Amino acid sequence: MLTSKLPDVGTSIFSVMTQLATEHGAINLAQGFPDFNPPTALTEALAHHAHGPQHQYAPMPGLPQLRERIAAKTARVYGVPAPDPVTDITITSGATEALYAVLAAVVQPGDEVLVLEPAYDLYGPAIRLQGGRPVYVPLTAPSFQPDWQRIAAAITPRTRLVMVNTPHNPSGAVFSDDDWQQLAAILAPTHALLLSDEVYEHMTFDGQPHRSALQYPQLRERAFVLSSFGKTYHATGWKVGYCVAPPALSAEVRRVHQFVTFSVSTLAQLAIADVIDEAAHYEELPAFMQAKRDLFGELLRGSRFELLPTAGSYFQLARYHRIAPGLDDAAFARRLTTETGVAVVPVSAFYHDHTDHGLIRFCFAKQDATLRAAAERLLQV
């Protein structure tokens, strides 16, 4: 008889809420994907290469021309020495595969991995599949800022890896320079590695820059830094991401990557390589997404939802205590989907023990018409 390695894990909440939205004809503000197309230059580049000769496997680490352009972009955007495109950059099937590959590469049975909660729902199960033990440290709600004293106290000689995410999903909180400096000081006397999930790097608001682990030499030497072309180019279905890490760490990621995915879509890599040097898209992305955040906030100004500040990503948290006091967030999310026709995600799904803060998550990476239609329904709640 088969014994499950993850007996307590069901279908992802994002799939569950999307399916519920489909069944009830709800507007889907649950799953984190845009309902608008990628930039025209990118889709035209893909079409161009679709009629070309390159339809076979790309090299396992990724196309050389794409890795070279990622290296140049990294140096340009963050003002740091360019990573070596040959040894430091690996193209993955989305950042999700990169996350799994890092954990599979470095976590040994009995290792501890520090996770700041709420967190993307892959983190815990992927750690456990390697025989590791997730050590959860809560971010301070409702600001979701890290408590560095508590984080320092959670690190032990068994800590193999610390996982951070900025801009943060689901809260939209963003690490400051002080946050990175404190993390660097905490990790300095340890042998712990760092996984920095930075997939929303080009979505920070109100003039606040995204600060990357790559900008801190004492962290960069021990860090796996992950990014996502799917997020940056509104093309989540293309599943193209990448990992930047020092040569020895990249080599370990590639040992796993070659047996999980081996290589990523050649056509998608060619198309992205063609447009990545066009900086206008990602330079304008913060203002583009901030406008959507602000529009959604303005549309819900007269509602009974209490919107929390969001400094980055494309997510908006909201309290609903004025609508359904005492109702748990999972039940409220289902009710909102089935009765109001707007699908959301309960924030308890981002906690290993389903901690309920009475919060739901909206995704505002939608066409303005979609946001207006959703707000019209939400104002009736």
Protein backbone atom coordinates (compact mmCIF):
# COMPACT_ATOMS: atom_id res chain seq x y z
CA MET A 1 0.00 0.00 0.00
CA LEU A 2 1.33 3.45 -0.91
CA THR A 3 2.31 5.68 1.99
CA SER A 4 2.19 9.36 1.14
CA LYS A 5 5.28 11.47 1.78
CA LEU A 6 3.00 14.49 2.27
CA PRO A 7 -0.18 13.05 3.80
CA ASP A 8 -1.31 16.41 5.17
CA VAL A 9 -0.94 18.30 1.88
CA GLY A 10 -3.87 18.67 -0.49
CA THR A 11 -4.41 20.60 -3.68
CA SER A 12 -2.90 24.10 -3.66
CA ILE A 13 -5.26 26.79 -2.38
CA PHE A 14 -4.66 28.74 -5.59
CA SER A 15 -5.95 25.87 -7.71
CA VAL A 16 -8.85 25.31 -5.33
CA MET A 17 -10.01 28.92 -5.44
CA THR A 18 -9.54 29.18 -9.20
CA GLN A 19 -11.65 26.06 -9.71
CA LEU A 20 -14.30 27.47 -7.38
CA ALA A 21 -14.25 30.74 -9.33
CA THR A 22 -14.77 28.83 -12.58
CA GLU A 23 -17.66 26.83 -11.15
CA HIS A 24 -19.47 29.94 -9.89
CA GLY A 25 -18.56 32.40 -12.63
CA ALA A 26 -16.64 34.53 -10.16
CA ILE A 27 -14.08 37.18 -11.05
CA ASN A 28 -10.74 35.59 -10.18
CA LEU A 29 -8.68 37.88 -7.95
CA ALA A 30 -7.32 34.81 -6.16
CA GLN A 31 -4.53 33.27 -8.22
CA GLY A 32 -1.58 35.56 -8.89
CA PHE A 33 -1.65 35.99 -12.64
CA PRO A 34 -2.49 38.96 -14.88
CA ASP A 35 -5.49 38.91 -17.20
CA PHE A 36 -3.65 41.03 -19.78
CA ASN A 37 -1.06 40.03 -22.37
CA PRO A 38 2.73 40.22 -22.29
CA PRO A 39 4.43 43.12 -24.10
CA THR A 40 3.90 43.01 -27.86
CA ALA A 41 7.65 42.98 -28.50
CA LEU A 42 7.92 39.74 -26.51
CA THR A 43 5.07 37.91 -28.24
CA GLU A 44 6.33 39.08 -31.65
CA ALA A 45 9.79 37.76 -30.80
CA LEU A 46 8.27 34.41 -29.82
CA ALA A 47 6.33 34.25 -33.10
CA HIS A 48 9.48 35.09 -35.03
CA HIS A 49 11.46 32.30 -33.41
CA ALA A 50 8.57 29.85 -33.83
CA HIS A 51 9.22 30.04 -37.59
CA GLY A 52 12.98 29.63 -37.13
CA PRO A 53 15.20 26.57 -36.86
CA GLN A 54 15.70 26.36 -33.08
CA HIS A 55 13.16 23.87 -31.78
CA GLN A 56 15.34 21.41 -29.89
CA TYR A 57 16.64 21.27 -26.33
CA ALA A 58 18.36 24.34 -25.02
CA PRO A 59 21.58 23.80 -23.06
CA MET A 60 20.85 22.55 -19.56
CA PRO A 61 21.91 25.79 -17.76
CA GLY A 62 20.06 27.96 -20.29
CA LEU A 63 20.83 29.64 -23.59
CA PRO A 64 24.19 31.44 -23.39
CA GLN A 65 22.81 34.65 -24.94
CA LEU A 66 20.04 34.84 -22.33
CA ARG A 67 22.41 34.23 -19.43
CA GLU A 68 24.78 36.88 -20.79
CA ARG A 69 21.98 39.43 -20.95
CA ILE A 70 20.76 38.54 -17.46
CA ALA A 71 24.29 39.16 -16.19
CA ALA A 72 24.41 42.56 -17.89
CA LYS A 73 20.96 43.49 -16.62
CA THR A 74 21.83 42.46 -13.05
CA ALA A 75 24.89 44.70 -13.07
CA ARG A 76 22.95 47.58 -14.60
CA VAL A 77 19.91 47.42 -12.33
CA TYR A 78 21.64 46.75 -9.02
CA GLY A 79 25.00 48.45 -9.54
CA VAL A 80 26.93 45.30 -8.71
CA PRO A 81 29.63 43.27 -10.47
CA ALA A 82 27.97 41.16 -13.14
CA PRO A 83 27.51 37.51 -12.24
CA ASP A 84 29.43 35.15 -14.50
CA PRO A 85 26.91 33.96 -17.11
CA VAL A 86 28.75 30.66 -17.49
CA THR A 87 28.97 29.64 -13.83
CA ASP A 88 26.52 31.81 -11.84
CA ILE A 89 23.20 31.84 -13.74
CA THR A 90 20.83 28.94 -14.31
CA ILE A 91 17.57 29.21 -16.28
CA THR A 92 14.76 27.25 -14.63
CA SER A 93 11.16 26.32 -15.33
CA GLY A 94 9.83 29.26 -13.38
CA ALA A 95 11.06 30.34 -9.98
CA THR A 96 9.08 27.46 -8.47
CA GLU A 97 11.44 24.92 -10.03
CA ALA A 98 14.39 27.01 -8.89
CA LEU A 99 13.03 26.96 -5.32
CA TYR A 100 12.65 23.21 -5.39
CA ALA A 101 16.05 22.66 -6.99
CA VAL A 102 17.79 24.77 -4.34
CA LEU A 103 16.09 22.92 -1.50
CA ALA A 104 16.75 19.51 -3.06
CA ALA A 105 20.37 20.45 -3.66
CA VAL A 106 21.35 21.71 -0.22
CA VAL A 107 18.94 20.36 2.42
CA GLN A 108 20.02 17.11 4.05
CA PRO A 109 17.88 14.96 6.38
CA GLY A 110 17.77 16.61 9.79
CA ASP A 111 18.73 20.08 8.51
CA GLU A 112 16.68 23.04 9.67
CA VAL A 113 15.40 25.65 7.22
CA LEU A 114 14.17 28.95 8.59
CA VAL A 115 10.96 30.15 6.94
CA LEU A 116 9.34 33.54 7.56
CA GLU A 117 5.56 33.19 7.65
CA PRO A 118 3.23 33.83 5.93
CA ALA A 119 5.03 32.17 3.05
CA TYR A 120 4.45 30.73 -0.42
CA ASP A 121 2.91 27.32 0.08
CA LEU A 122 5.73 25.43 -1.69
CA TYR A 123 8.33 26.21 0.96
CA GLY A 124 7.32 23.86 3.75
CA PRO A 125 6.42 20.75 1.73
CA ALA A 126 9.55 21.04 -0.43
CA ILE A 127 11.73 21.24 2.69
CA ARG A 128 10.04 18.23 4.21
CA LEU A 129 10.47 16.18 1.02
CA GLN A 130 14.23 16.53 1.48
CA GLY A 131 14.03 15.31 5.07
CA GLY A 132 14.56 18.81 6.40
CA ARG A 133 12.66 20.51 9.20
CA PRO A 134 11.01 23.87 8.53
CA VAL A 135 11.47 26.30 11.42
CA TYR A 136 8.75 28.90 11.17
CA VAL A 137 9.20 32.46 12.40
CA PRO A 138 6.15 34.71 12.03
CA LEU A 139 6.39 38.11 10.43
CA THR A 140 4.71 40.73 12.59
CA ALA A 141 1.12 41.25 11.41
CA PRO A 142 -0.34 43.51 10.13
CA SER A 143 2.88 45.19 8.89
CA PHE A 144 4.55 41.82 8.25
CA GLN A 145 7.95 43.25 9.11
CA PRO A 146 10.64 40.81 10.28
CA ASP A 147 11.44 40.58 13.98
CA TRP A 148 15.21 40.20 13.70
CA GLN A 149 15.75 39.31 17.36
CA ARG A 150 13.30 36.46 17.02
CA ILE A 151 14.90 35.37 13.75
CA ALA A 152 18.37 35.39 15.30
CA ALA A 153 17.11 33.30 18.21
CA ALA A 154 15.68 30.70 15.81
CA ILE A 155 19.02 30.02 14.12
CA THR A 156 20.92 27.03 15.47
CA PRO A 157 24.00 25.04 14.38
CA ARG A 158 21.56 22.85 12.42
CA THR A 159 20.24 25.77 10.32
CA ARG A 160 21.17 24.96 6.75
CA LEU A 161 19.21 27.66 4.93
CA VAL A 162 17.27 30.86 5.61
CA MET A 163 14.47 31.69 3.16
CA VAL A 164 13.33 35.28 2.58
CA ASN A 165 10.92 36.83 0.09
CA THR A 166 10.88 40.49 -0.94
CA PRO A 167 8.64 42.02 -2.20
CA HIS A 168 6.59 39.67 -0.12
CA ASN A 169 3.76 37.38 -1.11
CA PRO A 170 1.10 37.69 0.25
CA SER A 171 1.56 40.93 2.22
CA GLY A 172 3.42 43.20 -0.20
CA ALA A 173 5.98 44.12 2.48
CA VAL A 174 9.43 45.11 1.20
CA PHE A 175 12.84 44.69 2.81
CA SER A 176 14.69 47.90 3.65
CA ASP A 177 18.44 48.38 3.64
CA ASP A 178 18.36 47.99 7.41
CA ASP A 179 16.60 44.64 7.07
CA TRP A 180 19.33 43.32 4.79
CA GLN A 181 22.06 44.70 7.06
CA GLN A 182 20.54 42.98 10.08
CA LEU A 183 20.20 39.69 8.21
CA ALA A 184 23.84 39.94 7.10
CA ALA A 185 24.96 40.49 10.69
CA ILE A 186 22.92 37.52 11.91
CA LEU A 187 24.27 35.16 9.25
CA ALA A 188 27.90 36.34 9.40
CA PRO A 189 29.04 33.99 12.21
CA THR A 190 27.08 31.01 10.82
CA HIS A 191 27.44 28.57 7.95
CA ALA A 192 23.79 29.00 6.92
CA LEU A 193 22.98 29.64 3.28
CA LEU A 194 20.38 32.14 2.03
CA LEU A 195 17.56 31.69 -0.46
CA SER A 196 16.20 35.08 -1.54
CA ASP A 197 12.94 34.85 -3.48
CA GLU A 198 12.79 38.13 -5.44
CA VAL A 199 10.26 37.31 -8.15
CA TYR A 200 8.41 40.63 -7.70
CA GLU A 201 11.65 42.64 -7.93
CA HIS A 202 10.22 45.12 -10.45
CA MET A 203 7.07 45.86 -8.46
CA THR A 204 7.86 48.25 -5.62
CA PHE A 205 5.80 51.37 -5.02
CA ASP A 206 5.87 54.95 -3.75
CA GLY A 207 9.43 55.54 -4.90
CA GLN A 208 10.87 52.75 -2.76
CA PRO A 209 13.50 50.73 -4.65
CA HIS A 210 13.82 46.99 -4.57
CA ARG A 211 16.95 46.00 -2.69
CA SER A 212 18.41 42.65 -3.67
CA ALA A 213 20.57 40.26 -1.69
CA LEU A 214 23.00 40.61 -4.60
CA GLN A 215 23.80 44.14 -3.41
CA TYR A 216 25.26 42.90 -0.12
CA PRO A 217 28.61 41.13 -0.70
CA GLN A 218 28.51 39.30 2.62
CA LEU A 219 25.13 37.83 1.62
CA ARG A 220 25.79 37.34 -2.09
CA GLU A 221 28.59 34.86 -1.38
CA ARG A 222 26.12 32.51 0.36
CA ALA A 223 22.91 33.30 -1.54
CA PHE A 224 20.66 31.78 -4.14
CA VAL A 225 18.72 34.72 -5.64
CA LEU A 226 15.63 33.83 -7.65
CA SER A 227 13.76 35.86 -10.25
CA SER A 228 10.85 35.28 -12.62
CA PHE A 229 10.38 36.41 -16.20
CA GLY A 230 6.80 35.21 -15.88
CA LYS A 231 6.10 37.89 -13.27
CA THR A 232 8.11 40.64 -14.95
CA TYR A 233 6.62 40.11 -18.43
CA HIS A 234 3.03 39.14 -17.48
CA ALA A 235 3.66 35.65 -18.85
CA THR A 236 3.28 33.26 -15.94
CA GLY A 237 2.32 30.43 -18.28
CA TRP A 238 5.71 30.56 -19.98
CA LYS A 239 7.32 29.27 -16.78
CA VAL A 240 10.75 30.84 -17.19
CA GLY A 241 12.76 31.94 -14.17
CA TYR A 242 16.36 31.90 -13.10
CA CYS A 243 18.72 31.47 -10.17
CA VAL A 244 21.82 33.59 -9.56
CA ALA A 245 24.35 32.05 -7.17
CA PRO A 246 28.12 31.70 -6.76
CA PRO A 247 29.74 28.95 -8.85
CA ALA A 248 29.84 26.27 -6.15
CA LEU A 249 26.20 26.85 -5.23
CA SER A 250 25.07 27.05 -8.86
CA ALA A 251 26.80 23.75 -9.55
CA GLU A 252 24.68 22.07 -6.88
CA VAL A 253 21.46 23.60 -8.26
CA ARG A 254 22.35 22.31 -11.71
CA ARG A 255 22.91 18.79 -10.38
CA VAL A 256 19.21 18.75 -9.45
CA HIS A 257 17.89 20.90 -12.31
CA GLN A 258 19.28 18.53 -14.94
CA PHE A 259 17.21 15.67 -13.54
CA VAL A 260 14.02 17.64 -12.83
CA THR A 261 13.52 19.80 -15.91
CA PHE A 262 16.84 19.49 -17.76
CA SER A 263 16.17 22.52 -19.93
CA VAL A 264 13.58 25.24 -20.39
CA SER A 265 11.64 26.14 -23.54
CA THR A 266 14.11 27.17 -26.22
CA LEU A 267 11.63 29.48 -27.97
CA ALA A 268 10.72 31.29 -24.75
CA GLN A 269 14.39 31.81 -23.89
CA LEU A 270 15.13 33.16 -27.38
CA ALA A 271 12.22 35.59 -27.18
CA ILE A 272 13.17 36.86 -23.72
CA ALA A 273 16.79 37.29 -24.79
CA ASP A 274 15.57 39.51 -27.63
CA VAL A 275 13.73 41.94 -25.34
CA ILE A 276 15.55 41.89 -22.02
CA ASP A 277 17.78 44.81 -23.00
CA GLU A 278 14.70 47.00 -23.53
CA ALA A 279 14.78 48.47 -20.03
CA ALA A 280 11.67 50.63 -20.47
CA HIS A 281 9.34 47.72 -19.68
CA TYR A 282 10.69 46.84 -16.26
CA GLU A 283 11.57 50.45 -15.43
CA GLU A 284 7.94 51.45 -15.98
CA LEU A 285 6.50 48.39 -14.25
CA PRO A 286 6.47 49.88 -10.72
CA ALA A 287 4.34 52.83 -11.84
CA PHE A 288 2.12 50.53 -13.91
CA MET A 289 1.36 48.24 -10.98
CA GLN A 290 1.13 51.09 -8.48
CA ALA A 291 -1.59 52.65 -10.60
CA LYS A 292 -3.54 49.41 -10.38
CA ARG A 293 -3.00 49.21 -6.63
CA ASP A 294 -4.22 52.79 -6.25
CA LEU A 295 -7.21 52.27 -8.54
CA PHE A 296 -8.32 49.18 -6.64
CA GLY A 297 -7.91 51.00 -3.34
CA GLU A 298 -9.94 53.95 -4.57
CA LEU A 299 -12.68 51.70 -5.92
CA LEU A 300 -13.02 49.99 -2.53
CA ARG A 301 -12.86 53.20 -0.52
CA GLY A 302 -16.56 53.05 0.24
CA SER A 303 -16.62 49.34 1.03
CA ARG A 304 -16.54 47.63 4.41
CA PHE A 305 -13.14 46.07 3.71
CA GLU A 306 -10.10 47.46 5.51
CA LEU A 307 -7.17 47.48 3.10
CA LEU A 308 -3.68 47.06 4.54
CA PRO A 309 -0.69 48.97 3.13
CA THR A 310 1.15 47.18 0.33
CA ALA A 311 4.58 48.42 -0.75
CA GLY A 312 5.29 45.88 -3.47
CA SER A 313 4.20 42.77 -5.43
CA TYR A 314 0.74 42.76 -7.01
CA PHE A 315 -1.22 41.69 -3.97
CA GLN A 316 -3.52 43.54 -1.60
CA LEU A 317 -4.47 42.22 1.84
CA ALA A 318 -7.77 43.18 3.43
CA ARG A 319 -9.53 42.70 6.74
CA TYR A 320 -13.21 41.77 6.59
CA HIS A 321 -14.10 42.03 10.31
CA ARG A 322 -16.75 44.68 9.63
CA ILE A 323 -18.51 42.26 7.28
CA ALA A 324 -18.28 38.88 8.98
CA PRO A 325 -16.84 39.19 12.49
CA GLY A 326 -15.70 35.85 13.85
CA LEU A 327 -15.87 34.00 10.54
CA ASP A 328 -12.60 32.25 9.64
CA ASP A 329 -10.84 33.45 6.52
CA ALA A 330 -11.21 30.21 4.56
CA ALA A 331 -14.96 30.20 5.07
CA PHE A 332 -15.18 33.90 4.19
CA ALA A 333 -13.14 33.38 1.00
CA ARG A 334 -15.49 30.62 -0.11
CA ARG A 335 -18.51 32.75 0.71
CA LEU A 336 -17.13 35.72 -1.20
CA THR A 337 -16.50 33.49 -4.21
CA THR A 338 -19.79 31.64 -4.25
CA GLU A 339 -22.17 34.41 -3.11
CA THR A 340 -20.52 37.65 -4.21
CA GLY A 341 -18.74 36.37 -7.30
CA VAL A 342 -15.20 37.49 -6.45
CA ALA A 343 -12.56 34.84 -5.75
CA VAL A 344 -9.83 35.59 -3.20
CA VAL A 345 -7.27 33.62 -1.19
CA PRO A 346 -7.47 33.22 2.61
CA VAL A 347 -4.17 34.30 4.14
CA SER A 348 -4.24 31.34 6.56
CA ALA A 349 -3.23 29.21 3.55
CA PHE A 350 0.21 30.82 3.77
CA TYR A 351 0.78 29.46 7.31
CA HIS A 352 1.80 25.88 8.04
CA ASP A 353 -0.68 25.71 10.91
CA HIS A 354 -3.36 27.80 9.13
CA THR A 355 -3.01 30.76 11.48
CA ASP A 356 -6.03 32.98 10.91
CA HIS A 357 -5.57 36.76 11.14
CA GLY A 358 -8.95 37.50 9.53
CA LEU A 359 -7.28 38.48 6.24
CA ILE A 360 -7.87 37.73 2.58
CA ARG A 361 -5.61 38.40 -0.41
CA PHE A 362 -6.65 40.11 -3.63
CA CYS A 363 -4.53 40.10 -6.80
CA PHE A 364 -4.73 43.49 -8.55
CA ALA A 365 -2.67 42.54 -11.63
CA LYS A 366 -5.80 42.79 -13.71
CA GLN A 367 -7.24 44.98 -16.43
CA ASP A 368 -8.88 48.11 -15.06
CA ALA A 369 -12.25 46.82 -16.30
CA THR A 370 -11.75 43.62 -14.29
CA LEU A 371 -10.93 45.60 -11.14
CA ARG A 372 -13.96 47.85 -11.64
CA ALA A 373 -16.27 44.88 -12.14
CA ALA A 374 -14.91 43.18 -9.03
CA ALA A 375 -15.20 46.35 -6.95
CA GLU A 376 -18.82 46.80 -8.01
CA ARG A 377 -19.60 43.40 -6.52
CA LEU A 378 -17.46 43.94 -3.42
CA LEU A 379 -19.20 47.22 -2.61
CA GLN A 380 -22.42 45.24 -2.18
CA VAL A 381 -20.98 43.05 0.57
